[in-house]
Structures are given as structure tokens and as C-alpha cells.
């Protein structure tokens, strides 16, 4: 965990939709919660299970995978950057439907700073 000042700085420098390279560091309970990603900022990155392939857990990125992610939202209470896979092979099959249903404002949030009101999540 970083200091509150460092957390504010990180949030001010990042934008929703920004692509960032990360390394998958933990895949606890595959198929159940998601994957944790080291994004090199001192704060944790996380990809929620709802954004990962549902048909085949074997399609999830494994520990040690280095790939690009987009900044999806921020979990301020946990000082965690929530990510979505940029590579379609790691993204849920129905992402467009998911966005339309749960996050229809996503296109308008791209490019906005993370600091400030965070978007709602399912």
C-alpha cells in the first residue's frame, strides 16, 4: 500500500482507457475472482473475473504473462487499479454486451483522469 499522497499522484497521472503493460503475478482460484497484475506503480492492478474469458478458464493469462491492459476503473478503498485486457484473447467473449448493459458511459470516460468520481460497477 502506498501513502495517500502517492495514491493521489498515481490517480492524477493515469487516465481511463490508458493502455499499460503489466505482468500477471497471481491467479487465485481460477474461474472465481480474477487475476492480479503488477503494473509497476506501487499500487495493485486487478482484472475482475467478469472481464476474462468465461468459456475456457485455460484462456486466462497465467502467472508471468506480460501483456497490455487498459485502465478500467479505480477501487479507491483498496488502492487498486482495475484493468481490462487489451488483447482480445484474454477478454470476455461478450465484452460489447457487457459494456452496453453495465457500463454504457465507458466510451465517454476514456481519457478522463482517474481522480474524482469513479464510475459505477456491477
Protein backbone atom coordinates (compact mmCIF):
# COMPACT_ATOMS: atom_id res chain seq x y z
CA UNK A 1 0.00 0.00 0.00
CA UNK A 2 1.24 3.49 -0.83
CA UNK A 3 0.75 6.72 1.08
CA UNK A 4 -2.41 8.69 0.42
CA UNK A 5 -0.33 11.41 -1.29
CA UNK A 6 1.30 8.85 -3.60
CA UNK A 7 -2.11 7.30 -4.36
CA UNK A 8 -3.45 10.74 -5.32
CA UNK A 9 -0.40 11.33 -7.54
CA UNK A 10 -0.84 7.98 -9.32
CA UNK A 11 -4.53 8.67 -9.92
CA UNK A 12 -3.74 12.11 -11.32
CA UNK A 13 -1.28 10.70 -13.85
CA UNK A 14 -3.45 7.90 -15.21
CA UNK A 15 -6.49 8.04 -17.50
CA UNK A 16 -9.41 5.69 -18.06
CA UNK A 17 -8.73 3.62 -21.17
CA UNK A 18 -4.98 4.22 -20.95
CA UNK A 19 -3.01 1.19 -22.05
CA UNK A 20 -0.43 -0.03 -19.58
CA UNK A 21 1.83 -3.08 -19.72
CA UNK A 22 1.67 -5.39 -16.75
CA UNK A 23 2.77 -8.81 -15.55
CA UNK A 24 0.25 -11.26 -14.13
CA UNK A 25 1.52 -12.10 -10.65
CA UNK A 26 -1.33 -14.12 -9.09
CA UNK A 27 -4.25 -16.15 -10.38
CA UNK A 28 -6.02 -17.23 -7.19
CA UNK A 29 -8.96 -19.57 -7.65
CA UNK A 30 -9.01 -19.61 -11.48
CA UNK A 31 -12.52 -19.00 -12.72
CA UNK A 32 -13.62 -17.43 -9.45
CA UNK A 33 -12.25 -13.92 -8.85
CA UNK A 34 -9.77 -12.72 -11.48
CA UNK A 35 -6.05 -12.03 -11.82
CA UNK A 36 -3.66 -9.68 -10.05
CA UNK A 37 -1.25 -7.67 -12.17
CA UNK A 38 1.97 -5.82 -11.36
CA UNK A 39 1.75 -2.55 -13.28
CA UNK A 40 4.94 -1.09 -11.83
CA UNK A 41 3.30 1.82 -9.99
CA UNK A 42 3.38 0.62 -6.39
CA UNK A 43 -0.36 0.00 -6.49
CA UNK A 44 -2.00 -3.26 -7.41
CA UNK A 45 -3.67 -3.95 -10.72
CA UNK A 46 -6.59 -6.36 -10.90
CA UNK A 47 -8.68 -7.87 -13.71
CA UNK A 48 -12.11 -8.96 -12.49
CA UNK A 49 -13.41 -12.39 -13.50
CA UNK A 50 -16.29 -10.76 -15.43
CA UNK A 51 -13.79 -9.33 -17.92
CA UNK A 52 -11.93 -12.61 -18.54
CA UNK A 53 -12.94 -15.45 -20.89
CA UNK A 54 -15.85 -17.43 -19.47
CA UNK A 55 -15.95 -20.37 -21.86
CA UNK A 56 -12.47 -21.66 -21.10
CA UNK A 57 -10.52 -20.77 -17.99
CA UNK A 58 -7.49 -22.14 -19.83
CA UNK A 59 -7.66 -18.95 -21.94
CA UNK A 60 -6.90 -16.74 -18.94
CA UNK A 61 -3.41 -15.22 -18.75
CA UNK A 62 -1.19 -17.28 -16.43
CA UNK A 63 1.30 -16.07 -13.83
CA UNK A 64 4.25 -14.48 -15.60
CA UNK A 65 2.23 -13.34 -18.63
CA UNK A 66 3.30 -9.88 -19.77
CA UNK A 67 0.63 -8.14 -21.80
CA UNK A 68 -1.21 -4.85 -22.22
CA UNK A 69 -4.20 -3.83 -20.14
CA UNK A 70 -6.50 -0.82 -20.23
CA UNK A 71 -7.35 1.09 -17.10
CA UNK A 72 -10.99 0.25 -16.47
CA UNK A 73 -11.79 1.86 -13.10
CA UNK A 74 -10.34 2.52 -9.65
CA UNK A 75 -11.09 0.86 -6.34
CA UNK A 76 -10.10 3.73 -4.06
CA UNK A 77 -10.70 1.90 -0.77
CA UNK A 78 -8.19 -0.78 -1.73
CA UNK A 79 -5.81 1.49 -3.65
CA UNK A 80 -6.25 -0.76 -6.64
CA UNK A 81 -6.31 -0.03 -10.36
CA UNK A 82 -8.91 -2.20 -12.08
CA UNK A 83 -7.88 -3.31 -15.54
CA UNK A 84 -9.36 -4.90 -18.63
CA UNK A 85 -7.28 -6.96 -21.03
CA UNK A 86 -6.31 -5.17 -24.25
CA UNK A 87 -5.63 -8.45 -26.01
CA UNK A 88 -8.97 -9.90 -27.17
CA UNK A 89 -7.80 -13.45 -26.41
CA UNK A 90 -7.86 -12.57 -22.69
CA UNK A 91 -11.12 -10.56 -22.81
CA UNK A 92 -14.59 -11.94 -22.15
CA UNK A 93 -16.41 -13.04 -25.27
CA UNK A 94 -19.36 -10.69 -24.76
CA UNK A 95 -17.49 -7.51 -23.82
CA UNK A 96 -19.59 -5.22 -26.05
CA UNK A 97 -22.79 -6.56 -24.49
CA UNK A 98 -21.28 -6.26 -21.01
CA UNK A 99 -20.40 -2.60 -21.60
CA UNK A 100 -23.82 -1.82 -23.04
CA UNK A 101 -25.51 -3.37 -20.04
CA UNK A 102 -23.30 -2.39 -17.10
CA UNK A 103 -21.11 0.49 -18.21
CA UNK A 104 -22.77 2.33 -21.13
CA UNK A 105 -20.87 5.53 -20.31
CA UNK A 106 -17.50 3.82 -20.86
CA UNK A 107 -16.73 5.48 -24.22
CA UNK A 108 -17.24 8.94 -22.69
CA UNK A 109 -14.96 8.12 -19.73
CA UNK A 110 -11.96 7.19 -21.87
CA UNK A 111 -9.21 9.76 -21.42
CA UNK A 112 -10.54 11.19 -18.16
CA UNK A 113 -8.34 11.29 -15.08
CA UNK A 114 -8.87 8.54 -12.52
CA UNK A 115 -9.13 11.02 -9.68
CA UNK A 116 -12.58 12.25 -8.85
CA UNK A 117 -15.89 10.44 -9.03
CA UNK A 118 -15.39 6.84 -10.07
CA UNK A 119 -17.80 5.14 -12.41
CA UNK A 120 -20.28 2.68 -11.03
CA UNK A 121 -19.56 -1.01 -11.43
CA UNK A 122 -21.70 -4.12 -11.49
